[in-house]
Amino acid sequence: MTPADLLGEFSFKIYEPPLSEMREDCRIYDLSDPAAVLMLIIDFETEVSMNGINNFLGNSSGQYAHETVAALQTIGAQTQAILLQKILIVAANAGMTHDAIQADRSGLEEFSITSFQELHGDKWDAASHEIQEIEAVIDYTEMMSCAESYVERYSAQIHQALGISLD
């Protein structure tokens, strides 16, 4: 299995047990574990591509945003790590933290669908605009190429996490 194939397989399996349990029991914070590093990268890329950077910051994967910066550094995606760190600084300076975003959601019914604008109004418009400009510079193709190289270096651990024999 090529590193790209292995990464693809891994990206599907992280949302089901036993790998999904890494989020629940906080093992996703363990950046010494290649599976946790890749989960953070995949969660970041998936969330941003599906819902945008602002929703990444406020959704469950955003609670690991600082760990995601470290994971990007770990796989060698230095530019992307710097850009995500800049995004986190802009957001924090505006009070647009994961907790603040979640606080606005506290009155919603479970599984409610709403837009960022509807939920938060214009209080973070300036920060949101700046964040989106920074995010637009992130090269996700390069980031995933770094992830593939990382998978190649840690192939045995990724195979093990997936329950796939190397034989």
N, C-alpha and C. Protein backbone atom coordinates (compact mmCIF):
# COMPACT_ATOMS: atom_id res chain seq x y z
N MET A 1 0.85 -1.18 0.00
CA MET A 1 0.00 0.00 0.00
C MET A 1 0.89 1.24 0.00
N THR A 2 0.63 2.16 -0.93
CA THR A 2 1.42 3.39 -1.01
C THR A 2 1.09 4.30 0.18
N PRO A 3 1.96 5.25 0.49
CA PRO A 3 1.63 6.21 1.56
C PRO A 3 0.31 6.94 1.31
N ALA A 4 0.03 7.29 0.04
CA ALA A 4 -1.22 7.97 -0.28
C ALA A 4 -2.42 7.05 -0.01
N ASP A 5 -2.29 5.78 -0.37
CA ASP A 5 -3.36 4.81 -0.12
C ASP A 5 -3.57 4.62 1.39
N LEU A 6 -2.47 4.52 2.10
CA LEU A 6 -2.54 4.32 3.54
C LEU A 6 -3.18 5.54 4.22
N LEU A 7 -2.80 6.73 3.77
CA LEU A 7 -3.40 7.94 4.32
C LEU A 7 -4.88 8.00 4.00
N GLY A 8 -5.25 7.62 2.79
CA GLY A 8 -6.66 7.58 2.40
C GLY A 8 -7.45 6.62 3.25
N GLU A 9 -6.92 5.43 3.46
CA GLU A 9 -7.58 4.43 4.31
C GLU A 9 -7.71 4.95 5.74
N PHE A 10 -6.65 5.55 6.22
CA PHE A 10 -6.65 6.10 7.58
C PHE A 10 -7.70 7.20 7.72
N SER A 11 -7.82 8.05 6.70
CA SER A 11 -8.76 9.17 6.78
C SER A 11 -10.21 8.70 6.86
N PHE A 12 -10.51 7.53 6.34
CA PHE A 12 -11.86 6.98 6.48
C PHE A 12 -12.06 6.35 7.85
N LYS A 13 -11.06 5.68 8.34
CA LYS A 13 -11.19 4.89 9.56
C LYS A 13 -11.16 5.72 10.85
N ILE A 14 -10.68 6.97 10.77
CA ILE A 14 -10.56 7.75 12.01
C ILE A 14 -11.90 8.19 12.58
N TYR A 15 -12.96 8.03 11.82
CA TYR A 15 -14.27 8.45 12.30
C TYR A 15 -15.11 7.29 12.81
N GLU A 16 -14.48 6.14 12.94
CA GLU A 16 -15.17 4.98 13.50
C GLU A 16 -14.27 4.30 14.52
N PRO A 17 -14.88 3.55 15.47
CA PRO A 17 -14.06 2.86 16.47
C PRO A 17 -13.13 1.86 15.80
N PRO A 18 -11.99 1.63 16.35
CA PRO A 18 -11.48 2.14 17.63
C PRO A 18 -10.78 3.50 17.52
N LEU A 19 -10.46 3.95 16.30
CA LEU A 19 -9.71 5.21 16.18
C LEU A 19 -10.51 6.42 16.66
N SER A 20 -11.81 6.44 16.42
CA SER A 20 -12.61 7.59 16.86
C SER A 20 -12.57 7.77 18.37
N GLU A 21 -12.31 6.71 19.08
CA GLU A 21 -12.24 6.78 20.54
C GLU A 21 -11.04 7.60 21.03
N MET A 22 -10.07 7.82 20.16
CA MET A 22 -8.90 8.63 20.54
C MET A 22 -9.30 10.05 20.89
N ARG A 23 -10.36 10.56 20.26
CA ARG A 23 -10.85 11.90 20.59
C ARG A 23 -11.53 11.87 21.96
N GLU A 24 -12.34 10.86 22.18
CA GLU A 24 -13.14 10.76 23.41
C GLU A 24 -12.28 10.58 24.65
N ASP A 25 -11.21 9.82 24.55
CA ASP A 25 -10.38 9.59 25.73
C ASP A 25 -9.12 10.46 25.75
N CYS A 26 -9.11 11.49 24.91
CA CYS A 26 -8.07 12.53 24.88
C CYS A 26 -6.71 12.05 24.41
N ARG A 27 -6.63 10.87 23.81
CA ARG A 27 -5.35 10.44 23.25
C ARG A 27 -4.96 11.26 22.03
N ILE A 28 -5.91 12.01 21.48
CA ILE A 28 -5.62 12.86 20.32
C ILE A 28 -4.62 13.96 20.68
N TYR A 29 -4.48 14.25 21.96
CA TYR A 29 -3.51 15.24 22.43
C TYR A 29 -2.07 14.70 22.42
N ASP A 30 -1.91 13.39 22.28
CA ASP A 30 -0.59 12.76 22.37
C ASP A 30 0.13 12.86 21.03
N LEU A 31 0.90 13.92 20.87
CA LEU A 31 1.58 14.15 19.60
C LEU A 31 2.80 13.25 19.39
N SER A 32 3.09 12.40 20.36
CA SER A 32 4.12 11.39 20.14
C SER A 32 3.54 10.18 19.39
N ASP A 33 2.23 10.14 19.25
CA ASP A 33 1.55 9.05 18.56
C ASP A 33 1.26 9.49 17.12
N PRO A 34 1.87 8.85 16.13
CA PRO A 34 1.64 9.23 14.73
C PRO A 34 0.16 9.20 14.34
N ALA A 35 -0.62 8.31 14.93
CA ALA A 35 -2.05 8.27 14.61
C ALA A 35 -2.73 9.55 15.07
N ALA A 36 -2.40 10.05 16.24
CA ALA A 36 -2.99 11.29 16.74
C ALA A 36 -2.59 12.47 15.86
N VAL A 37 -1.33 12.52 15.47
CA VAL A 37 -0.84 13.60 14.60
C VAL A 37 -1.65 13.63 13.30
N LEU A 38 -1.79 12.48 12.68
CA LEU A 38 -2.53 12.42 11.42
C LEU A 38 -4.01 12.72 11.59
N MET A 39 -4.59 12.29 12.71
CA MET A 39 -5.99 12.60 12.96
C MET A 39 -6.22 14.11 13.03
N LEU A 40 -5.32 14.80 13.69
CA LEU A 40 -5.44 16.25 13.79
C LEU A 40 -5.35 16.90 12.41
N ILE A 41 -4.43 16.44 11.60
CA ILE A 41 -4.26 16.99 10.24
C ILE A 41 -5.50 16.72 9.41
N ILE A 42 -5.97 15.50 9.44
CA ILE A 42 -7.15 15.13 8.64
C ILE A 42 -8.39 15.87 9.13
N ASP A 43 -8.57 15.96 10.44
CA ASP A 43 -9.71 16.70 10.97
C ASP A 43 -9.68 18.16 10.51
N PHE A 44 -8.50 18.77 10.56
CA PHE A 44 -8.35 20.16 10.13
C PHE A 44 -8.73 20.31 8.66
N GLU A 45 -8.12 19.51 7.81
CA GLU A 45 -8.37 19.61 6.37
C GLU A 45 -9.83 19.32 6.05
N THR A 46 -10.39 18.32 6.67
CA THR A 46 -11.79 17.95 6.42
C THR A 46 -12.75 19.04 6.87
N GLU A 47 -12.56 19.53 8.08
CA GLU A 47 -13.46 20.56 8.61
C GLU A 47 -13.41 21.83 7.78
N VAL A 48 -12.21 22.27 7.43
CA VAL A 48 -12.10 23.50 6.65
C VAL A 48 -12.70 23.32 5.26
N SER A 49 -12.44 22.18 4.63
CA SER A 49 -12.98 21.97 3.29
C SER A 49 -14.50 21.84 3.30
N MET A 50 -15.06 21.30 4.35
CA MET A 50 -16.51 21.12 4.41
C MET A 50 -17.24 22.35 4.93
N ASN A 51 -16.66 23.03 5.93
CA ASN A 51 -17.41 24.08 6.64
C ASN A 51 -16.69 25.41 6.76
N GLY A 52 -15.46 25.49 6.30
CA GLY A 52 -14.73 26.75 6.38
C GLY A 52 -13.93 26.88 7.67
N ILE A 53 -13.01 27.81 7.65
CA ILE A 53 -12.08 28.00 8.77
C ILE A 53 -12.79 28.47 10.03
N ASN A 54 -13.78 29.34 9.90
CA ASN A 54 -14.48 29.82 11.10
C ASN A 54 -15.18 28.69 11.82
N ASN A 55 -15.77 27.79 11.08
CA ASN A 55 -16.43 26.66 11.71
C ASN A 55 -15.43 25.67 12.29
N PHE A 56 -14.26 25.55 11.67
CA PHE A 56 -13.21 24.73 12.28
C PHE A 56 -12.91 25.24 13.68
N LEU A 57 -12.76 26.55 13.80
CA LEU A 57 -12.42 27.14 15.10
C LEU A 57 -13.47 26.85 16.16
N GLY A 58 -14.74 26.81 15.76
CA GLY A 58 -15.81 26.64 16.72
C GLY A 58 -16.30 25.22 16.91
N ASN A 59 -16.03 24.34 15.96
CA ASN A 59 -16.50 22.97 16.06
C ASN A 59 -15.57 22.13 16.92
N SER A 60 -15.95 20.88 17.11
CA SER A 60 -15.20 20.01 18.03
C SER A 60 -13.73 19.91 17.66
N SER A 61 -13.41 19.89 16.37
CA SER A 61 -12.00 19.79 16.00
C SER A 61 -11.23 21.06 16.34
N GLY A 62 -11.91 22.18 16.45
CA GLY A 62 -11.27 23.43 16.82
C GLY A 62 -10.76 23.47 18.24
N GLN A 63 -11.32 22.62 19.09
CA GLN A 63 -10.80 22.59 20.46
C GLN A 63 -9.38 22.05 20.51
N TYR A 64 -8.94 21.45 19.41
CA TYR A 64 -7.58 20.93 19.29
C TYR A 64 -6.74 21.80 18.36
N ALA A 65 -7.13 23.05 18.18
CA ALA A 65 -6.46 23.91 17.20
C ALA A 65 -4.97 24.09 17.50
N HIS A 66 -4.63 24.29 18.76
CA HIS A 66 -3.21 24.48 19.11
C HIS A 66 -2.43 23.19 18.89
N GLU A 67 -3.04 22.07 19.17
CA GLU A 67 -2.39 20.79 18.90
C GLU A 67 -2.25 20.57 17.40
N THR A 68 -3.21 21.09 16.64
CA THR A 68 -3.13 20.98 15.18
C THR A 68 -1.94 21.76 14.64
N VAL A 69 -1.66 22.92 15.22
CA VAL A 69 -0.46 23.68 14.84
C VAL A 69 0.78 22.81 15.08
N ALA A 70 0.85 22.19 16.24
CA ALA A 70 2.00 21.34 16.56
C ALA A 70 2.06 20.13 15.63
N ALA A 71 0.90 19.58 15.28
CA ALA A 71 0.87 18.43 14.36
C ALA A 71 1.38 18.84 12.98
N LEU A 72 0.99 20.03 12.54
CA LEU A 72 1.51 20.54 11.26
C LEU A 72 3.03 20.67 11.29
N GLN A 73 3.55 21.17 12.39
CA GLN A 73 5.00 21.27 12.54
C GLN A 73 5.64 19.87 12.52
N THR A 74 4.98 18.94 13.18
CA THR A 74 5.50 17.57 13.27
C THR A 74 5.63 16.91 11.92
N ILE A 75 4.67 17.15 11.03
CA ILE A 75 4.73 16.51 9.71
C ILE A 75 5.60 17.29 8.73
N GLY A 76 6.09 18.45 9.15
CA GLY A 76 6.95 19.24 8.28
C GLY A 76 6.22 20.30 7.48
N ALA A 77 4.96 20.56 7.80
CA ALA A 77 4.18 21.59 7.10
C ALA A 77 4.33 22.91 7.85
N GLN A 78 5.55 23.44 7.82
CA GLN A 78 5.89 24.62 8.62
C GLN A 78 5.09 25.86 8.22
N THR A 79 4.95 26.09 6.93
CA THR A 79 4.22 27.27 6.46
C THR A 79 2.77 27.21 6.92
N GLN A 80 2.15 26.04 6.78
CA GLN A 80 0.76 25.88 7.19
C GLN A 80 0.62 26.05 8.71
N ALA A 81 1.60 25.58 9.46
CA ALA A 81 1.58 25.75 10.92
C ALA A 81 1.64 27.24 11.28
N ILE A 82 2.51 27.96 10.62
CA ILE A 82 2.64 29.40 10.88
C ILE A 82 1.33 30.12 10.55
N LEU A 83 0.72 29.77 9.43
CA LEU A 83 -0.53 30.41 9.03
C LEU A 83 -1.67 30.08 9.99
N LEU A 84 -1.77 28.83 10.41
CA LEU A 84 -2.81 28.48 11.37
C LEU A 84 -2.57 29.18 12.70
N GLN A 85 -1.32 29.30 13.11
CA GLN A 85 -1.01 30.03 14.35
C GLN A 85 -1.43 31.49 14.22
N LYS A 86 -1.19 32.10 13.07
CA LYS A 86 -1.63 33.49 12.84
C LYS A 86 -3.15 33.59 12.95
N ILE A 87 -3.85 32.62 12.39
CA ILE A 87 -5.31 32.60 12.48
C ILE A 87 -5.75 32.54 13.93
N LEU A 88 -5.11 31.70 14.71
CA LEU A 88 -5.48 31.56 16.13
C LEU A 88 -5.22 32.85 16.89
N ILE A 89 -4.17 33.55 16.54
CA ILE A 89 -3.86 34.83 17.20
C ILE A 89 -4.92 35.88 16.85
N VAL A 90 -5.28 35.98 15.58
CA VAL A 90 -6.32 36.93 15.16
C VAL A 90 -7.63 36.60 15.88
N ALA A 91 -7.98 35.33 15.90
CA ALA A 91 -9.23 34.91 16.55
C ALA A 91 -9.20 35.23 18.04
N ALA A 92 -8.10 34.90 18.70
CA ALA A 92 -8.00 35.16 20.15
C ALA A 92 -8.07 36.65 20.45
N ASN A 93 -7.38 37.45 19.65
CA ASN A 93 -7.40 38.91 19.87
C ASN A 93 -8.80 39.49 19.71
N ALA A 94 -9.62 38.85 18.89
CA ALA A 94 -11.00 39.31 18.68
C ALA A 94 -11.98 38.70 19.68
N GLY A 95 -11.48 37.79 20.51
CA GLY A 95 -12.37 37.09 21.43
C GLY A 95 -13.14 35.95 20.76
N MET A 96 -12.69 35.59 19.58
CA MET A 96 -13.34 34.55 18.76
C MET A 96 -12.71 33.19 19.07
N THR A 97 -12.82 32.79 20.31
CA THR A 97 -12.22 31.53 20.75
C THR A 97 -13.22 30.40 20.58
N HIS A 98 -12.73 29.19 20.70
CA HIS A 98 -13.60 28.01 20.62
C HIS A 98 -14.70 28.12 21.67
N ASP A 99 -14.34 28.49 22.89
CA ASP A 99 -15.32 28.60 23.96
C ASP A 99 -16.35 29.69 23.68
N ALA A 100 -15.92 30.83 23.15
CA ALA A 100 -16.85 31.92 22.84
C ALA A 100 -17.81 31.53 21.72
N ILE A 101 -17.29 30.84 20.73
CA ILE A 101 -18.14 30.38 19.62
C ILE A 101 -19.15 29.36 20.15
N GLN A 102 -18.68 28.46 20.99
CA GLN A 102 -19.58 27.46 21.58
C GLN A 102 -20.64 28.12 22.47
N ALA A 103 -20.28 29.17 23.18
CA ALA A 103 -21.23 29.86 24.06
C ALA A 103 -22.41 30.40 23.24
N ASP A 104 -22.14 30.91 22.06
CA ASP A 104 -23.22 31.40 21.20
C ASP A 104 -24.12 30.26 20.73
N ARG A 105 -23.59 29.08 20.67
CA ARG A 105 -24.36 27.91 20.24
C ARG A 105 -25.18 27.30 21.37
N SER A 106 -24.92 27.70 22.58
CA SER A 106 -25.53 27.03 23.74
C SER A 106 -27.06 27.07 23.72
N GLY A 107 -27.65 28.05 23.10
CA GLY A 107 -29.10 28.13 23.06
C GLY A 107 -29.75 27.34 21.93
N LEU A 108 -28.94 26.77 21.06
CA LEU A 108 -29.48 26.02 19.93
C LEU A 108 -29.89 24.61 20.33
N GLU A 109 -30.89 24.10 19.63
CA GLU A 109 -31.24 22.71 19.82
C GLU A 109 -30.16 21.84 19.19
N GLU A 110 -29.99 20.63 19.73
CA GLU A 110 -29.00 19.71 19.19
C GLU A 110 -29.27 19.47 17.71
N PHE A 111 -28.22 19.45 16.91
CA PHE A 111 -28.24 19.21 15.47
C PHE A 111 -28.89 20.36 14.69
N SER A 112 -29.01 21.53 15.30
CA SER A 112 -29.54 22.70 14.59
C SER A 112 -28.58 23.10 13.49
N ILE A 113 -29.14 23.56 12.39
CA ILE A 113 -28.32 24.02 11.27
C ILE A 113 -28.48 25.53 11.18
N THR A 114 -27.36 26.21 11.21
CA THR A 114 -27.36 27.67 11.11
C THR A 114 -26.05 28.10 10.48
N SER A 115 -26.01 29.30 9.99
CA SER A 115 -24.76 29.81 9.43
C SER A 115 -23.97 30.54 10.51
N PHE A 116 -22.70 30.74 10.23
CA PHE A 116 -21.84 31.48 11.16
C PHE A 116 -22.40 32.89 11.35
N GLN A 117 -22.83 33.51 10.25
CA GLN A 117 -23.38 34.88 10.30
C GLN A 117 -24.66 34.93 11.13
N GLU A 118 -25.55 33.99 10.91
CA GLU A 118 -26.81 33.96 11.66
C GLU A 118 -26.55 33.80 13.15
N LEU A 119 -25.61 32.96 13.48
CA LEU A 119 -25.35 32.63 14.87
C LEU A 119 -24.62 33.74 15.62
N HIS A 120 -23.66 34.36 14.98
CA HIS A 120 -22.78 35.30 15.67
C HIS A 120 -23.00 36.76 15.27
N GLY A 121 -23.81 36.98 14.24
CA GLY A 121 -24.03 38.35 13.79
C GLY A 121 -22.75 38.95 13.23
N ASP A 122 -22.57 40.25 13.45
CA ASP A 122 -21.41 40.93 12.87
C ASP A 122 -20.28 41.19 13.86
N LYS A 123 -20.39 40.61 15.06
CA LYS A 123 -19.38 40.92 16.09
C LYS A 123 -17.96 40.48 15.71
N TRP A 124 -17.83 39.49 14.86
CA TRP A 124 -16.50 39.03 14.48
C TRP A 124 -16.22 39.23 13.00
N ASP A 125 -16.96 40.11 12.35
CA ASP A 125 -16.79 40.30 10.90
C ASP A 125 -15.36 40.66 10.52
N ALA A 126 -14.77 41.62 11.21
CA ALA A 126 -13.41 42.05 10.86
C ALA A 126 -12.41 40.91 11.05
N ALA A 127 -12.50 40.24 12.19
CA ALA A 127 -11.60 39.11 12.46
C ALA A 127 -11.84 37.98 11.47
N SER A 128 -13.09 37.71 11.21
CA SER A 128 -13.44 36.64 10.27
C SER A 128 -12.87 36.93 8.89
N HIS A 129 -12.97 38.15 8.45
CA HIS A 129 -12.42 38.53 7.14
C HIS A 129 -10.90 38.32 7.12
N GLU A 130 -10.22 38.77 8.16
CA GLU A 130 -8.76 38.61 8.22
C GLU A 130 -8.38 37.13 8.28
N ILE A 131 -9.13 36.36 9.05
CA ILE A 131 -8.87 34.92 9.17
C ILE A 131 -9.03 34.24 7.81
N GLN A 132 -10.07 34.60 7.09
CA GLN A 132 -10.30 33.99 5.79
C GLN A 132 -9.21 34.37 4.78
N GLU A 133 -8.70 35.59 4.88
CA GLU A 133 -7.58 35.98 4.00
C GLU A 133 -6.33 35.16 4.30
N ILE A 134 -6.05 34.93 5.58
CA ILE A 134 -4.89 34.12 5.95
C ILE A 134 -5.10 32.68 5.49
N GLU A 135 -6.29 32.15 5.75
CA GLU A 135 -6.59 30.76 5.39
C GLU A 135 -6.46 30.52 3.89
N ALA A 136 -6.81 31.53 3.10
CA ALA A 136 -6.75 31.40 1.64
C ALA A 136 -5.34 31.12 1.13
N VAL A 137 -4.34 31.42 1.94
CA VAL A 137 -2.94 31.23 1.56
C VAL A 137 -2.47 29.81 1.88
N ILE A 138 -3.19 29.11 2.75
CA ILE A 138 -2.77 27.76 3.14
C ILE A 138 -2.82 26.84 1.93
N ASP A 139 -1.71 26.16 1.69
CA ASP A 139 -1.61 25.21 0.59
C ASP A 139 -1.92 23.81 1.14
N TYR A 140 -3.16 23.40 0.99
CA TYR A 140 -3.59 22.10 1.52
C TYR A 140 -2.97 20.94 0.76
N THR A 141 -2.67 21.14 -0.51
CA THR A 141 -2.02 20.09 -1.29
C THR A 141 -0.63 19.82 -0.72
N GLU A 142 0.11 20.88 -0.44
CA GLU A 142 1.44 20.72 0.16
C GLU A 142 1.32 20.09 1.55
N MET A 143 0.33 20.52 2.31
CA MET A 143 0.12 19.97 3.65
C MET A 143 -0.14 18.46 3.58
N MET A 144 -0.97 18.03 2.65
CA MET A 144 -1.27 16.61 2.54
C MET A 144 -0.09 15.84 1.97
N SER A 145 0.74 16.49 1.17
CA SER A 145 1.97 15.86 0.70
C SER A 145 2.91 15.60 1.88
N CYS A 146 2.98 16.57 2.78
CA CYS A 146 3.77 16.39 4.01
C CYS A 146 3.19 15.25 4.84
N ALA A 147 1.87 15.15 4.88
CA ALA A 147 1.21 14.07 5.63
C ALA A 147 1.56 12.71 5.02
N GLU A 148 1.60 12.64 3.69
CA GLU A 148 1.98 11.39 3.03
C GLU A 148 3.41 11.00 3.37
N SER A 149 4.31 11.96 3.39
CA SER A 149 5.70 11.68 3.77
C SER A 149 5.78 11.20 5.21
N TYR A 150 4.98 11.80 6.05
CA TYR A 150 4.92 11.40 7.46
C TYR A 150 4.39 9.96 7.58
N VAL A 151 3.37 9.64 6.80
CA VAL A 151 2.82 8.27 6.79
C VAL A 151 3.90 7.29 6.36
N GLU A 152 4.68 7.68 5.37
CA GLU A 152 5.75 6.79 4.91
C GLU A 152 6.77 6.53 6.02
N ARG A 153 7.12 7.58 6.77
CA ARG A 153 8.08 7.42 7.87
C ARG A 153 7.52 6.57 9.01
N TYR A 154 6.22 6.65 9.23
CA TYR A 154 5.58 5.96 10.36
C TYR A 154 4.61 4.89 9.87
N SER A 155 4.94 4.28 8.76
CA SER A 155 4.07 3.28 8.14
C SER A 155 3.70 2.15 9.10
N ALA A 156 4.66 1.63 9.83
CA ALA A 156 4.38 0.51 10.73
C ALA A 156 3.35 0.90 11.79
N GLN A 157 3.48 2.10 12.36
CA GLN A 157 2.54 2.54 13.38
C GLN A 157 1.14 2.77 12.79
N ILE A 158 1.09 3.28 11.58
CA ILE A 158 -0.20 3.53 10.93
C ILE A 158 -0.87 2.21 10.55
N HIS A 159 -0.09 1.29 10.04
CA HIS A 159 -0.63 -0.05 9.77
C HIS A 159 -1.20 -0.65 11.05
N GLN A 160 -0.45 -0.53 12.13
CA GLN A 160 -0.89 -1.08 13.41
C GLN A 160 -2.19 -0.40 13.88
N ALA A 161 -2.25 0.92 13.77
CA ALA A 161 -3.45 1.64 14.18
C ALA A 161 -4.68 1.21 13.38
N LEU A 162 -4.45 0.85 12.12
CA LEU A 162 -5.54 0.40 11.25
C LEU A 162 -5.82 -1.09 11.40
N GLY A 163 -4.95 -1.80 12.11
CA GLY A 163 -5.13 -3.23 12.26
C GLY A 163 -4.78 -3.99 10.99
N ILE A 164 -3.87 -3.42 10.20
CA ILE A 164 -3.44 -4.03 8.95
C ILE A 164 -2.05 -4.63 9.14
N SER A 165 -1.90 -5.88 8.77
CA SER A 165 -0.60 -6.55 8.88
C SER A 165 0.33 -6.03 7.81
N LEU A 166 1.60 -5.92 8.14
CA LEU A 166 2.62 -5.48 7.17
C LEU A 166 3.03 -6.60 6.24
N ASP A 167 2.64 -7.82 6.55
CA ASP A 167 3.03 -8.98 5.71
C ASP A 167 2.37 -8.99 4.39
